Amino acid sequence: MFLESSRYARVKQTIASTQDGREVKVVTLRRLPQPEGETTVVQGHDRLDVMANRSYGDGTKFWHIADTNTELWANDLVAEAGREIEVPES
């Protein structure tokens, strides 16, 4: 159902019922990791996928950076140049 590089690739799935009685496949809640990493200063041109490509060689792993930080909206992490964010090792 999900690409191997997706944050949901290894998350347990289950069946849930909608209000109108249909059964749908859903993912269960996943625990966010507390990875080791380094503090990185956001540059004016940075995007999470570019930072992920630079760090991991794969831009689709941007969610590793998003999960390590606490913004509700991932793109807010790079909205302001000069901000310090955590970039995990993997």
PDB file of N, CA and C in Angstrom:
ATOM      1  N   MET A   1       0.822  -1.195   0.000  1.00  0.00           N
ATOM      2  CA  MET A   1       0.000   0.000   0.000  1.00  0.00           C
ATOM      3  C   MET A   1       0.867   1.259   0.000  1.00  0.00           C
ATOM      4  N   PHE A   2       2.030   1.240   0.666  1.00  0.00           N
ATOM      5  CA  PHE A   2       2.920   2.390   0.731  1.00  0.00           C
ATOM      6  C   PHE A   2       4.268   2.046   0.103  1.00  0.00           C
ATOM      7  N   LEU A   3       4.940   3.051  -0.436  1.00  0.00           N
ATOM      8  CA  LEU A   3       6.284   2.849  -0.943  1.00  0.00           C
ATOM      9  C   LEU A   3       7.207   2.451   0.205  1.00  0.00           C
ATOM     10  N   GLU A   4       8.250   1.711  -0.106  1.00  0.00           N
ATOM     11  CA  GLU A   4       9.206   1.264   0.913  1.00  0.00           C
ATOM     12  C   GLU A   4       9.853   2.443   1.637  1.00  0.00           C
ATOM     13  N   SER A   5      10.001   3.581   0.972  1.00  0.00           N
ATOM     14  CA  SER A   5      10.624   4.751   1.593  1.00  0.00           C
ATOM     15  C   SER A   5       9.636   5.588   2.419  1.00  0.00           C
ATOM     16  N   SER A   6       8.359   5.217   2.420  1.00  0.00           N
ATOM     17  CA  SER A   6       7.345   5.966   3.160  1.00  0.00           C
ATOM     18  C   SER A   6       7.493   5.772   4.658  1.00  0.00           C
ATOM     19  N   ARG A   7       7.131   6.811   5.407  1.00  0.00           N
ATOM     20  CA  ARG A   7       7.154   6.696   6.869  1.00  0.00           C
ATOM     21  C   ARG A   7       6.131   5.676   7.368  1.00  0.00           C
ATOM     22  N   TYR A   8       5.187   5.311   6.535  1.00  0.00           N
ATOM     23  CA  TYR A   8       4.141   4.374   6.933  1.00  0.00           C
ATOM     24  C   TYR A   8       4.390   2.946   6.434  1.00  0.00           C
ATOM     25  N   ALA A   9       5.504   2.713   5.756  1.00  0.00           N
ATOM     26  CA  ALA A   9       5.761   1.412   5.139  1.00  0.00           C
ATOM     27  C   ALA A   9       5.739   0.266   6.148  1.00  0.00           C
ATOM     28  N   ARG A  10       6.213   0.481   7.348  1.00  0.00           N
ATOM     29  CA  ARG A  10       6.298  -0.600   8.344  1.00  0.00           C
ATOM     30  C   ARG A  10       5.314  -0.430   9.508  1.00  0.00           C
ATOM     31  N   VAL A  11       4.344   0.479   9.316  1.00  0.00           N
ATOM     32  CA  VAL A  11       3.355   0.710  10.362  1.00  0.00           C
ATOM     33  C   VAL A  11       2.224  -0.304  10.212  1.00  0.00           C
ATOM     34  N   LYS A  12       1.824  -0.864  11.322  1.00  0.00           N
ATOM     35  CA  LYS A  12       0.754  -1.862  11.329  1.00  0.00           C
ATOM     36  C   LYS A  12      -0.534  -1.267  10.756  1.00  0.00           C
ATOM     37  N   GLN A  13      -1.253  -2.069   9.978  1.00  0.00           N
ATOM     38  CA  GLN A  13      -2.527  -1.652   9.413  1.00  0.00           C
ATOM     39  C   GLN A  13      -3.646  -2.461  10.044  1.00  0.00           C
ATOM     40  N   THR A  14      -4.819  -1.878  10.075  1.00  0.00           N
ATOM     41  CA  THR A  14      -5.979  -2.539  10.646  1.00  0.00           C
ATOM     42  C   THR A  14      -7.219  -2.117   9.860  1.00  0.00           C
ATOM     43  N   ILE A  15      -8.351  -2.698  10.168  1.00  0.00           N
ATOM     44  CA  ILE A  15      -9.614  -2.361   9.514  1.00  0.00           C
ATOM     45  C   ILE A  15     -10.441  -1.526  10.482  1.00  0.00           C
ATOM     46  N   ALA A  16     -11.033  -0.449   9.967  1.00  0.00           N
ATOM     47  CA  ALA A  16     -11.909   0.420  10.772  1.00  0.00           C
ATOM     48  C   ALA A  16     -13.214   0.598  10.021  1.00  0.00           C
ATOM     49  N   SER A  17     -14.264   0.893  10.764  1.00  0.00           N
ATOM     50  CA  SER A  17     -15.578   1.128  10.165  1.00  0.00           C
ATOM     51  C   SER A  17     -15.845   2.630  10.115  1.00  0.00           C
ATOM     52  N   THR A  18     -16.362   3.089   8.976  1.00  0.00           N
ATOM     53  CA  THR A  18     -16.731   4.494   8.843  1.00  0.00           C
ATOM     54  C   THR A  18     -18.118   4.714   9.426  1.00  0.00           C
ATOM     55  N   GLN A  19     -18.536   5.964   9.517  1.00  0.00           N
ATOM     56  CA  GLN A  19     -19.855   6.265  10.073  1.00  0.00           C
ATOM     57  C   GLN A  19     -20.989   5.660   9.251  1.00  0.00           C
ATOM     58  N   ASP A  20     -20.736   5.489   7.944  1.00  0.00           N
ATOM     59  CA  ASP A  20     -21.790   4.907   7.115  1.00  0.00           C
ATOM     60  C   ASP A  20     -21.694   3.386   7.017  1.00  0.00           C
ATOM     61  N   GLY A  21     -20.825   2.775   7.841  1.00  0.00           N
ATOM     62  CA  GLY A  21     -20.748   1.325   7.918  1.00  0.00           C
ATOM     63  C   GLY A  21     -19.743   0.649   7.012  1.00  0.00           C
ATOM     64  N   ARG A  22     -19.049   1.419   6.162  1.00  0.00           N
ATOM     65  CA  ARG A  22     -18.041   0.810   5.292  1.00  0.00           C
ATOM     66  C   ARG A  22     -16.810   0.433   6.104  1.00  0.00           C
ATOM     67  N   GLU A  23     -16.130  -0.620   5.676  1.00  0.00           N
ATOM     68  CA  GLU A  23     -14.869  -1.007   6.294  1.00  0.00           C
ATOM     69  C   GLU A  23     -13.727  -0.504   5.424  1.00  0.00           C
ATOM     70  N   VAL A  24     -12.743   0.148   6.068  1.00  0.00           N
ATOM     71  CA  VAL A  24     -11.589   0.686   5.344  1.00  0.00           C
ATOM     72  C   VAL A  24     -10.314   0.276   6.057  1.00  0.00           C
ATOM     73  N   LYS A  25      -9.250   0.148   5.271  1.00  0.00           N
ATOM     74  CA  LYS A  25      -7.943  -0.174   5.849  1.00  0.00           C
ATOM     75  C   LYS A  25      -7.293   1.125   6.313  1.00  0.00           C
ATOM     76  N   VAL A  26      -6.782   1.130   7.533  1.00  0.00           N
ATOM     77  CA  VAL A  26      -6.131   2.314   8.107  1.00  0.00           C
ATOM     78  C   VAL A  26      -4.814   1.901   8.750  1.00  0.00           C
ATOM     79  N   VAL A  27      -3.925   2.875   8.929  1.00  0.00           N
ATOM     80  CA  VAL A  27      -2.690   2.608   9.659  1.00  0.00           C
ATOM     81  C   VAL A  27      -2.916   2.973  11.120  1.00  0.00           C
ATOM     82  N   THR A  28      -2.251   2.257  11.995  1.00  0.00           N
ATOM     83  CA  THR A  28      -2.340   2.564  13.411  1.00  0.00           C
ATOM     84  C   THR A  28      -1.392   3.712  13.731  1.00  0.00           C
ATOM     85  N   LEU A  29      -1.530   4.290  14.893  1.00  0.00           N
ATOM     86  CA  LEU A  29      -0.621   5.359  15.306  1.00  0.00           C
ATOM     87  C   LEU A  29       0.795   4.830  15.348  1.00  0.00           C
ATOM     88  N   ARG A  30       1.730   5.654  14.962  1.00  0.00           N
ATOM     89  CA  ARG A  30       3.128   5.241  15.015  1.00  0.00           C
ATOM     90  C   ARG A  30       3.856   6.089  16.042  1.00  0.00           C
ATOM     91  N   ARG A  31       4.783   5.479  16.703  1.00  0.00           N
ATOM     92  CA  ARG A  31       5.600   6.184  17.686  1.00  0.00           C
ATOM     93  C   ARG A  31       6.701   6.943  16.958  1.00  0.00           C
ATOM     94  N   LEU A  32       6.865   8.193  17.297  1.00  0.00           N
ATOM     95  CA  LEU A  32       7.926   8.973  16.676  1.00  0.00           C
ATOM     96  C   LEU A  32       9.260   8.630  17.314  1.00  0.00           C
ATOM     97  N   PRO A  33      10.278   8.464  16.497  1.00  0.00           N
ATOM     98  CA  PRO A  33      11.597   8.101  17.018  1.00  0.00           C
ATOM     99  C   PRO A  33      12.281   9.283  17.689  1.00  0.00           C
ATOM    100  N   GLN A  34      13.243   8.988  18.524  1.00  0.00           N
ATOM    101  CA  GLN A  34      14.087  10.004  19.142  1.00  0.00           C
ATOM    102  C   GLN A  34      15.515   9.773  18.647  1.00  0.00           C
ATOM    103  N   PRO A  35      15.753  10.036  17.364  1.00  0.00           N
ATOM    104  CA  PRO A  35      17.056   9.715  16.787  1.00  0.00           C
ATOM    105  C   PRO A  35      18.151  10.694  17.181  1.00  0.00           C
ATOM    106  N   GLU A  36      19.369  10.211  17.064  1.00  0.00           N
ATOM    107  CA  GLU A  36      20.531  11.067  17.242  1.00  0.00           C
ATOM    108  C   GLU A  36      20.705  11.879  15.972  1.00  0.00           C
ATOM    109  N   GLY A  37      21.182  13.082  16.101  1.00  0.00           N
ATOM    110  CA  GLY A  37      21.386  13.901  14.923  1.00  0.00           C
ATOM    111  C   GLY A  37      22.215  15.120  15.241  1.00  0.00           C
ATOM    112  N   GLU A  38      22.149  16.068  14.356  1.00  0.00           N
ATOM    113  CA  GLU A  38      22.907  17.294  14.561  1.00  0.00           C
ATOM    114  C   GLU A  38      22.026  18.492  14.260  1.00  0.00           C
ATOM    115  N   THR A  39      22.326  19.590  14.942  1.00  0.00           N
ATOM    116  CA  THR A  39      21.608  20.829  14.715  1.00  0.00           C
ATOM    117  C   THR A  39      22.110  21.440  13.415  1.00  0.00           C
ATOM    118  N   THR A  40      21.180  21.847  12.562  1.00  0.00           N
ATOM    119  CA  THR A  40      21.499  22.429  11.271  1.00  0.00           C
ATOM    120  C   THR A  40      20.794  23.772  11.142  1.00  0.00           C
ATOM    121  N   VAL A  41      21.479  24.744  10.589  1.00  0.00           N
ATOM    122  CA  VAL A  41      20.890  26.067  10.362  1.00  0.00           C
ATOM    123  C   VAL A  41      20.253  26.078   8.979  1.00  0.00           C
ATOM    124  N   VAL A  42      18.991  26.479   8.928  1.00  0.00           N
ATOM    125  CA  VAL A  42      18.252  26.554   7.668  1.00  0.00           C
ATOM    126  C   VAL A  42      18.775  27.738   6.856  1.00  0.00           C
ATOM    127  N   GLN A  43      19.091  27.465   5.597  1.00  0.00           N
ATOM    128  CA  GLN A  43      19.512  28.509   4.665  1.00  0.00           C
ATOM    129  C   GLN A  43      18.273  29.007   3.918  1.00  0.00           C
ATOM    130  N   GLY A  44      18.335  30.174   3.338  1.00  0.00           N
ATOM    131  CA  GLY A  44      17.188  30.787   2.677  1.00  0.00           C
ATOM    132  C   GLY A  44      16.582  29.968   1.554  1.00  0.00           C
ATOM    133  N   HIS A  45      17.333  29.108   0.933  1.00  0.00           N
ATOM    134  CA  HIS A  45      16.856  28.310  -0.200  1.00  0.00           C
ATOM    135  C   HIS A  45      16.498  26.870   0.189  1.00  0.00           C
ATOM    136  N   ASP A  46      16.656  26.508   1.449  1.00  0.00           N
ATOM    137  CA  ASP A  46      16.474  25.111   1.860  1.00  0.00           C
ATOM    138  C   ASP A  46      15.024  24.642   1.746  1.00  0.00           C
ATOM    139  N   ARG A  47      14.895  23.377   1.376  1.00  0.00           N
ATOM    140  CA  ARG A  47      13.630  22.644   1.414  1.00  0.00           C
ATOM    141  C   ARG A  47      13.937  21.316   2.085  1.00  0.00           C
ATOM    142  N   LEU A  48      12.941  20.712   2.708  1.00  0.00           N
ATOM    143  CA  LEU A  48      13.180  19.458   3.417  1.00  0.00           C
ATOM    144  C   LEU A  48      13.661  18.347   2.490  1.00  0.00           C
ATOM    145  N   ASP A  49      13.104  18.268   1.278  1.00  0.00           N
ATOM    146  CA  ASP A  49      13.546  17.210   0.375  1.00  0.00           C
ATOM    147  C   ASP A  49      14.986  17.416  -0.072  1.00  0.00           C
ATOM    148  N   VAL A  50      15.400  18.662  -0.245  1.00  0.00           N
ATOM    149  CA  VAL A  50      16.781  18.955  -0.617  1.00  0.00           C
ATOM    150  C   VAL A  50      17.711  18.611   0.544  1.00  0.00           C
ATOM    151  N   MET A  51      17.310  18.968   1.759  1.00  0.00           N
ATOM    152  CA  MET A  51      18.123  18.642   2.939  1.00  0.00           C
ATOM    153  C   MET A  51      18.230  17.129   3.114  1.00  0.00           C
ATOM    154  N   ALA A  52      17.132  16.404   2.872  1.00  0.00           N
ATOM    155  CA  ALA A  52      17.150  14.940   2.985  1.00  0.00           C
ATOM    156  C   ALA A  52      18.052  14.330   1.927  1.00  0.00           C
ATOM    157  N   ASN A  53      18.000  14.867   0.728  1.00  0.00           N
ATOM    158  CA  ASN A  53      18.868  14.358  -0.326  1.00  0.00           C
ATOM    159  C   ASN A  53      20.335  14.593   0.026  1.00  0.00           C
ATOM    160  N   ARG A  54      20.624  15.746   0.584  1.00  0.00           N
ATOM    161  CA  ARG A  54      21.994  16.072   0.986  1.00  0.00           C
ATOM    162  C   ARG A  54      22.453  15.159   2.127  1.00  0.00           C
ATOM    163  N   SER A  55      21.571  14.865   3.070  1.00  0.00           N
ATOM    164  CA  SER A  55      21.938  14.065   4.243  1.00  0.00           C
ATOM    165  C   SER A  55      21.896  12.560   4.004  1.00  0.00           C
ATOM    166  N   TYR A  56      20.900  12.105   3.230  1.00  0.00           N
ATOM    167  CA  TYR A  56      20.670  10.659   3.088  1.00  0.00           C
ATOM    168  C   TYR A  56      20.811  10.147   1.662  1.00  0.00           C
ATOM    169  N   GLY A  57      20.968  11.057   0.706  1.00  0.00           N
ATOM    170  CA  GLY A  57      21.020  10.640  -0.687  1.00  0.00           C
ATOM    171  C   GLY A  57      19.657  10.261  -1.237  1.00  0.00           C
ATOM    172  N   ASP A  58      18.578  10.674  -0.545  1.00  0.00           N
ATOM    173  CA  ASP A  58      17.215  10.326  -0.948  1.00  0.00           C
ATOM    174  C   ASP A  58      16.264  11.410  -0.455  1.00  0.00           C
ATOM    175  N   GLY A  59      15.768  12.237  -1.361  1.00  0.00           N
ATOM    176  CA  GLY A  59      14.874  13.329  -0.995  1.00  0.00           C
ATOM    177  C   GLY A  59      13.546  12.879  -0.429  1.00  0.00           C
ATOM    178  N   THR A  60      13.125  11.635  -0.740  1.00  0.00           N
ATOM    179  CA  THR A  60      11.842  11.156  -0.212  1.00  0.00           C
ATOM    180  C   THR A  60      11.904  10.859   1.281  1.00  0.00           C
ATOM    181  N   LYS A  61      13.088  10.899   1.851  1.00  0.00           N
ATOM    182  CA  LYS A  61      13.228  10.660   3.295  1.00  0.00           C
ATOM    183  C   LYS A  61      13.152  11.954   4.102  1.00  0.00           C
ATOM    184  N   PHE A  62      12.534  12.983   3.518  1.00  0.00           N
ATOM    185  CA  PHE A  62      12.366  14.258   4.206  1.00  0.00           C
ATOM    186  C   PHE A  62      11.629  14.107   5.529  1.00  0.00           C
ATOM    187  N   TRP A  63      10.791  13.090   5.610  1.00  0.00           N
ATOM    188  CA  TRP A  63       9.986  12.882   6.811  1.00  0.00           C
ATOM    189  C   TRP A  63      10.833  12.526   8.020  1.00  0.00           C
ATOM    190  N   HIS A  64      12.061  12.026   7.812  1.00  0.00           N
ATOM    191  CA  HIS A  64      12.955  11.778   8.951  1.00  0.00           C
ATOM    192  C   HIS A  64      13.242  13.096   9.667  1.00  0.00           C
ATOM    193  N   ILE A  65      13.464  14.131   8.889  1.00  0.00           N
ATOM    194  CA  ILE A  65      13.729  15.452   9.468  1.00  0.00           C
ATOM    195  C   ILE A  65      12.462  16.002  10.114  1.00  0.00           C
ATOM    196  N   ALA A  66      11.331  15.875   9.432  1.00  0.00           N
ATOM    197  CA  ALA A  66      10.062  16.382   9.963  1.00  0.00           C
ATOM    198  C   ALA A  66       9.707  15.714  11.287  1.00  0.00           C
ATOM    199  N   ASP A  67       9.879  14.398  11.374  1.00  0.00           N
ATOM    200  CA  ASP A  67       9.523  13.674  12.594  1.00  0.00           C
ATOM    201  C   ASP A  67      10.399  14.047  13.780  1.00  0.00           C
ATOM    202  N   THR A  68      11.634  14.446  13.525  1.00  0.00           N
ATOM    203  CA  THR A  68      12.567  14.756  14.596  1.00  0.00           C
ATOM    204  C   THR A  68      12.280  16.114  15.230  1.00  0.00           C
ATOM    205  N   ASN A  69      11.607  16.977  14.504  1.00  0.00           N
ATOM    206  CA  ASN A  69      11.285  18.314  14.986  1.00  0.00           C
ATOM    207  C   ASN A  69       9.813  18.396  15.356  1.00  0.00           C
ATOM    208  N   THR A  70       9.394  19.497  15.960  1.00  0.00           N
ATOM    209  CA  THR A  70       8.065  19.542  16.559  1.00  0.00           C
ATOM    210  C   THR A  70       7.041  20.410  15.836  1.00  0.00           C
ATOM    211  N   GLU A  71       7.336  20.891  14.659  1.00  0.00           N
ATOM    212  CA  GLU A  71       6.362  21.700  13.926  1.00  0.00           C
ATOM    213  C   GLU A  71       5.182  20.844  13.485  1.00  0.00           C
ATOM    214  N   LEU A  72       3.998  21.411  13.537  1.00  0.00           N
ATOM    215  CA  LEU A  72       2.821  20.701  13.055  1.00  0.00           C
ATOM    216  C   LEU A  72       2.864  20.565  11.533  1.00  0.00           C
ATOM    217  N   TRP A  73       3.294  21.619  10.858  1.00  0.00           N
ATOM    218  CA  TRP A  73       3.419  21.615   9.402  1.00  0.00           C
ATOM    219  C   TRP A  73       4.893  21.544   9.053  1.00  0.00           C
ATOM    220  N   ALA A  74       5.301  20.484   8.403  1.00  0.00           N
ATOM    221  CA  ALA A  74       6.714  20.225   8.127  1.00  0.00           C
ATOM    222  C   ALA A  74       7.403  21.369   7.393  1.00  0.00           C
ATOM    223  N   ASN A  75       6.723  21.987   6.434  1.00  0.00           N
ATOM    224  CA  ASN A  75       7.367  23.051   5.668  1.00  0.00           C
ATOM    225  C   ASN A  75       7.658  24.293   6.503  1.00  0.00           C
ATOM    226  N   ASP A  76       7.018  24.424   7.660  1.00  0.00           N
ATOM    227  CA  ASP A  76       7.326  25.538   8.560  1.00  0.00           C
ATOM    228  C   ASP A  76       8.753  25.437   9.086  1.00  0.00           C
ATOM    229  N   LEU A  77       9.324  24.241   9.065  1.00  0.00           N
ATOM    230  CA  LEU A  77      10.695  24.050   9.547  1.00  0.00           C
ATOM    231  C   LEU A  77      11.701  24.849   8.728  1.00  0.00           C
ATOM    232  N   VAL A  78      11.430  25.039   7.456  1.00  0.00           N
ATOM    233  CA  VAL A  78      12.375  25.733   6.576  1.00  0.00           C
ATOM    234  C   VAL A  78      11.850  27.083   6.099  1.00  0.00           C
ATOM    235  N   ALA A  79      10.779  27.569   6.696  1.00  0.00           N
ATOM    236  CA  ALA A  79      10.169  28.830   6.264  1.00  0.00           C
ATOM    237  C   ALA A  79      11.021  30.045   6.612  1.00  0.00           C
ATOM    238  N   GLU A  80      11.833  29.925   7.645  1.00  0.00           N
ATOM    239  CA  GLU A  80      12.606  31.071   8.118  1.00  0.00           C
ATOM    240  C   GLU A  80      14.103  30.761   8.091  1.00  0.00           C
ATOM    241  N   ALA A  81      14.841  31.492   7.269  1.00  0.00           N
ATOM    242  CA  ALA A  81      16.290  31.316   7.204  1.00  0.00           C
ATOM    243  C   ALA A  81      16.897  31.649   8.556  1.00  0.00           C
ATOM    244  N   GLY A  82      17.913  30.889   8.928  1.00  0.00           N
ATOM    245  CA  GLY A  82      18.602  31.107  10.192  1.00  0.00           C
ATOM    246  C   GLY A  82      18.080  30.250  11.336  1.00  0.00           C
ATOM    247  N   ARG A  83      16.939  29.615  11.139  1.00  0.00           N
ATOM    248  CA  ARG A  83      16.371  28.757  12.184  1.00  0.00           C
ATOM    249  C   ARG A  83      17.233  27.515  12.340  1.00  0.00           C
ATOM    250  N   GLU A  84      17.380  27.048  13.558  1.00  0.00           N
ATOM    251  CA  GLU A  84      18.103  25.808  13.822  1.00  0.00           C
ATOM    252  C   GLU A  84      17.106  24.665  13.967  1.00  0.00           C
ATOM    253  N   ILE A  85      17.341  23.592  13.207  1.00  0.00           N
ATOM    254  CA  ILE A  85      16.505  22.394  13.298  1.00  0.00           C
ATOM    255  C   ILE A  85      17.411  21.183  13.456  1.00  0.00           C
ATOM    256  N   GLU A  86      16.826  20.099  13.919  1.00  0.00           N
ATOM    257  CA  GLU A  86      17.578  18.851  14.081  1.00  0.00           C
ATOM    258  C   GLU A  86      17.453  18.003  12.817  1.00  0.00           C
ATOM    259  N   VAL A  87      18.579  17.485  12.361  1.00  0.00           N
ATOM    260  CA  VAL A  87      18.607  16.567  11.233  1.00  0.00           C
ATOM    261  C   VAL A  87      19.184  15.253  11.749  1.00  0.00           C
ATOM    262  N   PRO A  88      18.347  14.191  11.805  1.00  0.00           N
ATOM    263  CA  PRO A  88      18.823  12.921  12.342  1.00  0.00           C
ATOM    264  C   PRO A  88      19.842  12.252  11.425  1.00  0.00           C
ATOM    265  N   GLU A  89      20.577  11.310  11.993  1.00  0.00           N
ATOM    266  CA  GLU A  89      21.615  10.599  11.228  1.00  0.00           C
ATOM    267  C   GLU A  89      21.029   9.734  10.129  1.00  0.00           C
ATOM    268  N   SER A  90      19.842   9.185  10.340  1.00  0.00           N
ATOM    269  CA  SER A  90      19.240   8.354   9.293  1.00  0.00           C
ATOM    270  C   SER A  90      17.749   8.472   9.283  1.00  0.00           C
TER     271      SER A  90
END
